[in-house]
Amino acid sequence: MLEIANWIQTYFNQSPDAIFLFKNDDLLVSNQPAQRLVSVLKLDTNYLLQLGKNAWSQLSNDDCASCLIKKRLKGATIPLTFHQATGHPLHFSMIYRPLDEKESVYALTLENREQQQRLSQIEEQRLLNKYVTEAHEKERQKISQDLHDSVAQGIYAAIMGIQRLASVPNDNRQQVQNISTAIEKQLYATLKEIKGLALDIRPSVLDNFGLVAAIKGLAQRLQASTGITINVIALTAADKLATSIQNVLYRITQEAINNAIKHAHSTEINIIITNHNNYLQLEVLDNGHGFDVRQQNGFNGHSLGLMNMNERVKAYNGAFTIKSKINKGTAVTVKFPYNNIGKDMVRENV
């Protein structure tokens, strides 16, 4: 039992929160973080106890709702701010808990809110890394599948053609010519598939000519392959944006258009790039079926794409919003800080 008591005492002192135990309004015991706070901030522990009692007593009036609430609560929480000589305020949540009201034993716990926020940020970052990793894995899976289904099959067909060519008698020139032509067509088709994959992964026009030109090229390719009308309206060249942000905006546009084609069955998509006093705005609007945004908070293939877009934007201090209504289409909006924007106005139907 003594060893267990020592372990409890060690845990009590190593707790990151300041803990005070009172009996009959007198401080019974406090852990090391609590002692340091009292020493550094010159805290009046009786005053803290009185604050806790007052907050707890406010829950004990006679109306039934408060009685029910108090029966379910184990304590009262009060936000506190302490000012140091250095001028940096310390923010805490003080939790008052009656441990034994008959014996007048109470506990006060001071939790550092800044520390809690840091822990929350770490957890959010962990989840973000998880979602981004899964999104990247999904992209790799798609590339792998495309390579297998198109490029590998095309090369295999060309190899089979070459093997057939080797077995043709030398005097049968017409058959040799026919097989050679078929192999050439197959290799050109495979080359086209490889170029298409390269464009999907990263278009060279994005590096050479910038965001607007890359989005126009993307819109032209997708309109040609799907028959869906895709309009690009650019009210800024966006050439002053950092390369990393241009990459994000291109990926957002690509993902939003693909969603509109695959999920919304849109007949028209509008991409609008505009500048404002302090930010650049990208909008991708479609006239598709729309969806209930709240239902996409769960984890599924579609929500993973939306989450990936959101986290890409947040990573560079941008703002991401998505609005959608059933049978009224979807609007994806992204904003990034962007000062001194050149107002080059270009509108194209592609």
Protein backbone atom coordinates (compact mmCIF):
# COMPACT_ATOMS: atom_id res chain seq x y z
CA MET A 1 0.00 0.00 0.00
CA LEU A 2 2.88 2.36 0.78
CA GLU A 3 4.30 1.83 -2.71
CA ILE A 4 0.90 2.61 -4.28
CA ALA A 5 0.63 5.75 -2.16
CA ASN A 6 4.07 6.83 -3.41
CA TRP A 7 2.99 6.30 -7.02
CA ILE A 8 -0.15 8.36 -6.45
CA GLN A 9 1.92 11.12 -4.85
CA THR A 10 4.34 11.08 -7.80
CA TYR A 11 1.49 11.29 -10.30
CA PHE A 12 -0.12 14.09 -8.25
CA ASN A 13 3.07 16.16 -8.35
CA GLN A 14 3.85 15.46 -11.99
CA SER A 15 0.41 16.48 -13.22
CA PRO A 16 0.64 19.39 -15.71
CA ASP A 17 -2.31 21.04 -13.96
CA ALA A 18 -2.21 22.90 -10.67
CA ILE A 19 -4.28 21.03 -8.06
CA PHE A 20 -5.40 22.32 -4.63
CA LEU A 21 -7.31 20.29 -2.03
CA PHE A 22 -9.22 22.10 0.72
CA LYS A 23 -10.92 20.97 3.90
CA ASN A 24 -13.05 23.33 5.99
CA ASP A 25 -11.85 26.23 3.80
CA ASP A 26 -8.22 25.52 4.70
CA LEU A 27 -5.66 24.41 2.13
CA LEU A 28 -5.00 20.76 2.82
CA VAL A 29 -2.46 19.92 0.13
CA SER A 30 -1.31 21.16 -3.29
CA ASN A 31 0.91 19.68 -5.96
CA GLN A 32 4.15 21.17 -7.27
CA PRO A 33 2.61 23.07 -10.25
CA ALA A 34 0.12 24.65 -7.82
CA GLN A 35 2.90 25.66 -5.43
CA ARG A 36 4.85 27.26 -8.29
CA LEU A 37 1.79 29.25 -9.39
CA VAL A 38 1.17 30.50 -5.86
CA SER A 39 4.81 31.53 -5.56
CA VAL A 40 5.14 33.23 -8.95
CA LEU A 41 1.71 34.89 -9.16
CA LYS A 42 1.22 35.52 -5.41
CA LEU A 43 -2.15 33.78 -5.54
CA ASP A 44 -4.64 33.99 -2.69
CA THR A 45 -5.90 30.41 -2.49
CA ASN A 46 -8.84 31.37 -0.23
CA TYR A 47 -9.99 33.81 -2.89
CA LEU A 48 -9.80 31.08 -5.53
CA LEU A 49 -11.82 28.74 -3.31
CA GLN A 50 -14.45 31.42 -2.81
CA LEU A 51 -14.73 31.95 -6.58
CA GLY A 52 -15.26 28.21 -7.01
CA LYS A 53 -17.90 28.04 -4.29
CA ASN A 54 -19.77 30.99 -5.75
CA ALA A 55 -19.83 29.40 -9.21
CA TRP A 56 -21.04 26.10 -7.73
CA SER A 57 -23.73 27.76 -5.63
CA GLN A 58 -25.16 29.48 -8.71
CA LEU A 59 -26.16 26.04 -9.94
CA SER A 60 -28.04 25.20 -6.76
CA ASN A 61 -31.10 27.45 -6.94
CA ASP A 62 -34.54 25.96 -6.60
CA ASP A 63 -35.74 25.67 -10.18
CA CYS A 64 -35.97 22.14 -11.54
CA ALA A 65 -33.78 22.72 -14.59
CA SER A 66 -30.84 23.80 -12.43
CA CYS A 67 -31.37 20.86 -10.08
CA LEU A 68 -31.17 18.46 -12.98
CA ILE A 69 -28.11 20.19 -14.36
CA LYS A 70 -26.30 20.11 -11.03
CA LYS A 71 -27.00 16.39 -10.59
CA ARG A 72 -25.19 15.73 -13.83
CA LEU A 73 -22.29 18.10 -13.28
CA LYS A 74 -19.23 17.13 -11.26
CA GLY A 75 -17.94 20.64 -10.90
CA ALA A 76 -18.07 24.28 -11.96
CA THR A 77 -15.60 25.81 -14.44
CA ILE A 78 -14.48 29.43 -14.30
CA PRO A 79 -12.17 31.16 -16.81
CA LEU A 80 -9.35 33.08 -15.07
CA THR A 81 -6.64 35.41 -16.36
CA PHE A 82 -3.56 36.32 -14.34
CA HIS A 83 -1.22 39.16 -15.29
CA GLN A 84 2.50 38.84 -14.82
CA ALA A 85 5.11 41.53 -14.34
CA THR A 86 6.34 40.74 -17.86
CA GLY A 87 2.96 41.81 -19.23
CA HIS A 88 2.07 38.47 -20.81
CA PRO A 89 -1.26 37.29 -19.37
CA LEU A 90 -1.78 33.67 -18.37
CA HIS A 91 -5.15 32.15 -19.16
CA PHE A 92 -6.54 29.28 -17.07
CA SER A 93 -9.72 27.30 -16.64
CA MET A 94 -10.38 26.77 -12.93
CA ILE A 95 -12.49 23.72 -12.10
CA TYR A 96 -14.17 23.53 -8.69
CA ARG A 97 -15.15 20.03 -7.56
CA PRO A 98 -16.81 19.07 -4.27
CA LEU A 99 -15.17 15.79 -3.24
CA ASP A 100 -17.05 15.29 0.01
CA GLU A 101 -19.56 18.00 0.87
CA LYS A 102 -20.39 16.45 4.26
CA GLU A 103 -16.73 16.64 5.27
CA SER A 104 -16.28 19.99 3.46
CA VAL A 105 -13.55 18.67 1.16
CA TYR A 106 -13.11 20.50 -2.15
CA ALA A 107 -10.66 20.44 -5.06
CA LEU A 108 -9.54 23.25 -7.34
CA THR A 109 -7.78 22.46 -10.61
CA LEU A 110 -6.20 25.17 -12.76
CA GLU A 111 -5.72 24.06 -16.37
CA ASN A 112 -3.54 26.16 -18.63
CA ARG A 113 -5.76 27.11 -21.58
CA GLU A 114 -2.81 28.00 -23.80
CA GLN A 115 -1.38 24.55 -23.17
CA GLN A 116 -4.77 23.02 -23.97
CA GLN A 117 -4.89 24.97 -27.22
CA ARG A 118 -1.41 23.76 -28.14
CA LEU A 119 -2.45 20.18 -27.47
CA SER A 120 -5.56 20.70 -29.60
CA GLN A 121 -3.42 22.13 -32.39
CA ILE A 122 -1.09 19.12 -32.18
CA GLU A 123 -4.09 16.79 -32.41
CA GLU A 124 -5.50 18.75 -35.34
CA GLN A 125 -2.12 18.57 -37.07
CA ARG A 126 -2.00 14.83 -36.46
CA LEU A 127 -5.43 14.41 -38.06
CA LEU A 128 -4.43 16.70 -40.90
CA ASN A 129 -1.33 14.62 -41.58
CA LYS A 130 -3.50 11.50 -41.56
CA TYR A 131 -6.01 12.92 -44.04
CA VAL A 132 -3.31 14.35 -46.32
CA THR A 133 -1.40 11.05 -46.28
CA GLU A 134 -4.58 9.17 -47.20
CA ALA A 135 -5.34 11.67 -49.95
CA HIS A 136 -1.83 11.31 -51.37
CA GLU A 137 -2.14 7.55 -51.19
CA LYS A 138 -5.41 7.77 -53.11
CA GLU A 139 -3.69 9.89 -55.78
CA ARG A 140 -0.84 7.37 -56.03
CA GLN A 141 -3.36 4.55 -56.34
CA LYS A 142 -5.08 6.35 -59.23
CA ILE A 143 -1.75 6.95 -61.00
CA SER A 144 -0.78 3.32 -60.50
CA GLN A 145 -4.11 2.12 -61.86
CA ASP A 146 -3.86 4.44 -64.88
CA LEU A 147 -0.33 3.21 -65.62
CA HIS A 148 -1.50 -0.41 -65.42
CA ASP A 149 -4.73 -0.01 -67.35
CA SER A 150 -3.47 2.21 -70.16
CA VAL A 151 0.29 2.54 -70.46
CA ALA A 152 1.24 -1.02 -69.51
CA GLN A 153 -1.49 -2.52 -71.68
CA GLY A 154 -0.47 -0.35 -74.63
CA ILE A 155 3.18 -1.35 -74.33
CA TYR A 156 2.20 -5.01 -74.00
CA ALA A 157 0.11 -4.76 -77.17
CA ALA A 158 3.07 -3.22 -79.01
CA ILE A 159 5.36 -6.05 -77.83
CA MET A 160 2.87 -8.63 -79.10
CA GLY A 161 2.83 -6.81 -82.45
CA ILE A 162 6.61 -6.93 -82.68
CA GLN A 163 6.54 -10.66 -81.92
CA ARG A 164 4.02 -11.17 -84.71
CA LEU A 165 6.19 -9.10 -87.03
CA ALA A 166 9.17 -11.38 -86.39
CA SER A 167 7.16 -14.41 -87.54
CA VAL A 168 6.01 -12.93 -90.87
CA PRO A 169 7.80 -14.31 -93.97
CA ASN A 170 10.20 -11.83 -95.54
CA ASP A 171 8.38 -11.90 -98.87
CA ASN A 172 5.02 -10.82 -97.39
CA ARG A 173 5.62 -7.08 -97.39
CA GLN A 174 1.94 -6.12 -97.13
CA GLN A 175 1.48 -8.02 -93.89
CA VAL A 176 4.70 -6.52 -92.51
CA GLN A 177 3.42 -3.06 -93.41
CA ASN A 178 0.03 -3.66 -91.78
CA ILE A 179 1.56 -4.92 -88.54
CA SER A 180 4.11 -2.08 -88.51
CA THR A 181 1.33 0.48 -88.94
CA ALA A 182 -0.68 -1.10 -86.13
CA ILE A 183 2.35 -1.05 -83.80
CA GLU A 184 3.02 2.60 -84.66
CA LYS A 185 -0.59 3.58 -83.90
CA GLN A 186 -0.46 1.71 -80.60
CA LEU A 187 2.78 3.42 -79.55
CA TYR A 188 1.40 6.85 -80.46
CA ALA A 189 -1.73 6.13 -78.44
CA THR A 190 0.40 5.02 -75.49
CA LEU A 191 2.53 8.16 -75.80
CA LYS A 192 -0.66 10.24 -75.71
CA GLU A 193 -1.75 8.44 -72.54
CA ILE A 194 1.63 9.15 -70.91
CA LYS A 195 1.42 12.84 -71.83
CA GLY A 196 -2.10 12.98 -70.40
CA LEU A 197 -0.93 11.44 -67.13
CA ALA A 198 1.96 13.90 -66.97
CA LEU A 199 -0.44 16.81 -67.47
CA ASP A 200 -2.71 15.54 -64.70
CA ILE A 201 0.22 15.13 -62.31
CA ARG A 202 1.74 18.55 -63.09
CA PRO A 203 1.26 20.59 -66.29
CA SER A 204 4.44 22.27 -67.57
CA VAL A 205 2.38 25.32 -68.52
CA LEU A 206 1.94 26.02 -64.79
CA ASP A 207 5.69 26.45 -64.46
CA ASN A 208 6.19 28.26 -67.75
CA PHE A 209 3.15 30.54 -68.02
CA GLY A 210 1.49 30.60 -64.60
CA LEU A 211 -1.83 29.78 -62.96
CA VAL A 212 -4.34 31.32 -65.37
CA ALA A 213 -2.80 29.69 -68.45
CA ALA A 214 -2.66 26.33 -66.66
CA ILE A 215 -6.33 26.52 -65.64
CA LYS A 216 -7.33 27.45 -69.21
CA GLY A 217 -5.40 24.48 -70.53
CA LEU A 218 -7.06 22.20 -67.98
CA ALA A 219 -10.50 23.54 -68.92
CA GLN A 220 -9.84 23.04 -72.65
CA ARG A 221 -8.73 19.42 -72.19
CA LEU A 222 -11.67 18.51 -69.95
CA GLN A 223 -14.21 20.26 -72.16
CA ALA A 224 -12.87 18.40 -75.20
CA SER A 225 -13.02 15.03 -73.44
CA THR A 226 -16.39 15.47 -71.66
CA GLY A 227 -18.40 17.88 -73.82
CA ILE A 228 -19.23 19.95 -70.72
CA THR A 229 -19.06 23.72 -71.17
CA ILE A 230 -16.24 25.11 -69.00
CA ASN A 231 -15.83 28.90 -68.86
CA VAL A 232 -12.72 30.60 -67.49
CA ILE A 233 -13.09 34.21 -66.38
CA ALA A 234 -9.79 35.71 -65.18
CA LEU A 235 -9.77 39.29 -63.87
CA THR A 236 -6.13 39.05 -62.81
CA ALA A 237 -3.03 37.35 -64.15
CA ALA A 238 -2.28 36.07 -60.61
CA ASP A 239 1.41 36.08 -61.53
CA LYS A 240 2.44 37.71 -58.24
CA LEU A 241 1.25 34.75 -56.21
CA ALA A 242 3.87 32.48 -54.71
CA THR A 243 4.46 29.32 -56.75
CA SER A 244 3.28 27.12 -53.88
CA ILE A 245 -0.06 28.96 -53.71
CA GLN A 246 -0.50 28.79 -57.49
CA ASN A 247 0.01 25.03 -57.19
CA VAL A 248 -2.68 24.82 -54.50
CA LEU A 249 -5.16 26.88 -56.55
CA TYR A 250 -4.55 24.68 -59.60
CA ARG A 251 -5.13 21.50 -57.57
CA ILE A 252 -8.30 22.96 -56.02
CA THR A 253 -9.61 23.83 -59.49
CA GLN A 254 -8.74 20.37 -60.79
CA GLU A 255 -10.44 18.62 -57.86
CA ALA A 256 -13.54 20.85 -57.99
CA ILE A 257 -14.01 20.32 -61.74
CA ASN A 258 -13.57 16.56 -61.40
CA ASN A 259 -16.15 16.50 -58.59
CA ALA A 260 -18.58 18.50 -60.74
CA ILE A 261 -18.12 16.05 -63.62
CA LYS A 262 -18.16 12.78 -61.66
CA HIS A 263 -20.59 13.48 -58.82
CA ALA A 264 -22.74 16.47 -59.84
CA HIS A 265 -23.33 15.57 -63.52
CA SER A 266 -22.97 19.26 -64.42
CA THR A 267 -23.56 20.65 -67.91
CA GLU A 268 -21.71 23.93 -67.26
CA ILE A 269 -18.82 24.90 -65.01
CA ASN A 270 -17.57 28.45 -64.45
CA ILE A 271 -14.11 29.22 -63.07
CA ILE A 272 -13.72 32.82 -61.88
CA ILE A 273 -10.44 34.36 -60.67
CA THR A 274 -10.77 37.88 -59.26
CA ASN A 275 -8.66 40.26 -57.23
CA HIS A 276 -9.81 42.38 -54.30
CA ASN A 277 -8.07 44.91 -52.06
CA ASN A 278 -6.30 42.37 -49.88
CA TYR A 279 -6.92 38.97 -51.41
CA LEU A 280 -7.30 36.93 -54.57
CA GLN A 281 -10.41 34.81 -54.95
CA LEU A 282 -10.95 31.63 -56.95
CA GLU A 283 -14.49 30.35 -57.51
CA VAL A 284 -15.53 27.12 -59.20
CA LEU A 285 -19.29 27.13 -59.84
CA ASP A 286 -21.31 24.32 -61.37
CA ASN A 287 -24.99 23.78 -62.19
CA GLY A 288 -25.03 20.15 -61.09
CA HIS A 289 -27.18 18.17 -58.71
CA GLY A 290 -25.60 19.63 -55.57
CA PHE A 291 -25.40 17.89 -52.21
CA ASP A 292 -25.94 18.38 -48.48
CA VAL A 293 -22.62 19.75 -47.22
CA ARG A 294 -23.39 18.66 -43.64
CA GLN A 295 -23.62 15.02 -44.70
CA GLN A 296 -20.09 15.16 -46.07
CA ASN A 297 -18.59 15.75 -42.59
CA GLY A 298 -18.25 11.98 -42.25
CA PHE A 299 -15.29 10.07 -43.65
CA ASN A 300 -15.86 8.87 -47.21
CA GLY A 301 -14.31 9.22 -50.65
CA HIS A 302 -16.08 12.46 -51.50
CA SER A 303 -15.52 14.10 -48.11
CA LEU A 304 -11.85 13.11 -48.24
CA GLY A 305 -11.51 15.16 -51.43
CA LEU A 306 -13.25 18.14 -49.84
CA MET A 307 -11.14 17.81 -46.71
CA ASN A 308 -7.98 17.58 -48.78
CA MET A 309 -8.90 20.82 -50.57
CA ASN A 310 -9.63 22.55 -47.27
CA GLU A 311 -6.38 21.45 -45.66
CA ARG A 312 -4.31 22.41 -48.70
CA VAL A 313 -5.69 25.95 -48.40
CA LYS A 314 -5.34 26.19 -44.61
CA ALA A 315 -1.68 25.13 -44.85
CA TYR A 316 -0.96 28.46 -46.62
CA ASN A 317 -3.22 30.66 -44.46
CA GLY A 318 -5.99 30.82 -47.02
CA ALA A 319 -9.76 30.55 -46.59
CA PHE A 320 -11.84 27.73 -48.08
CA THR A 321 -15.64 27.57 -48.26
CA ILE A 322 -18.05 25.31 -50.09
CA LYS A 323 -21.76 25.96 -50.58
CA SER A 324 -24.15 23.56 -52.22
CA LYS A 325 -27.88 22.96 -52.47
CA ILE A 326 -29.73 19.99 -53.88
CA ASN A 327 -30.56 20.63 -57.58
CA LYS A 328 -29.00 24.12 -57.37
CA GLY A 329 -25.34 23.41 -57.95
CA THR A 330 -22.17 23.88 -55.93
CA ALA A 331 -19.81 26.81 -55.34
CA VAL A 332 -16.22 26.25 -54.18
CA THR A 333 -14.48 29.45 -53.06
CA VAL A 334 -10.84 29.96 -52.10
CA LYS A 335 -9.23 33.19 -50.90
CA PHE A 336 -5.55 33.99 -50.42
CA PRO A 337 -3.94 37.24 -49.20
CA TYR A 338 -2.71 39.09 -52.29
CA ASN A 339 -1.70 42.78 -52.36
CA ASN A 340 -0.85 45.07 -55.27
CA ILE A 341 -2.58 42.94 -57.86
CA GLY A 342 -2.33 43.83 -61.53
CA LYS A 343 -5.78 44.13 -63.06
CA ASP A 344 -5.36 42.28 -66.33
CA MET A 345 -8.85 41.36 -67.45
CA VAL A 346 -9.27 38.28 -69.61
CA ARG A 347 -12.49 36.41 -70.32
CA GLU A 348 -12.67 33.28 -72.38
CA ASN A 349 -15.12 30.54 -73.20
CA VAL A 350 -13.03 27.45 -73.76
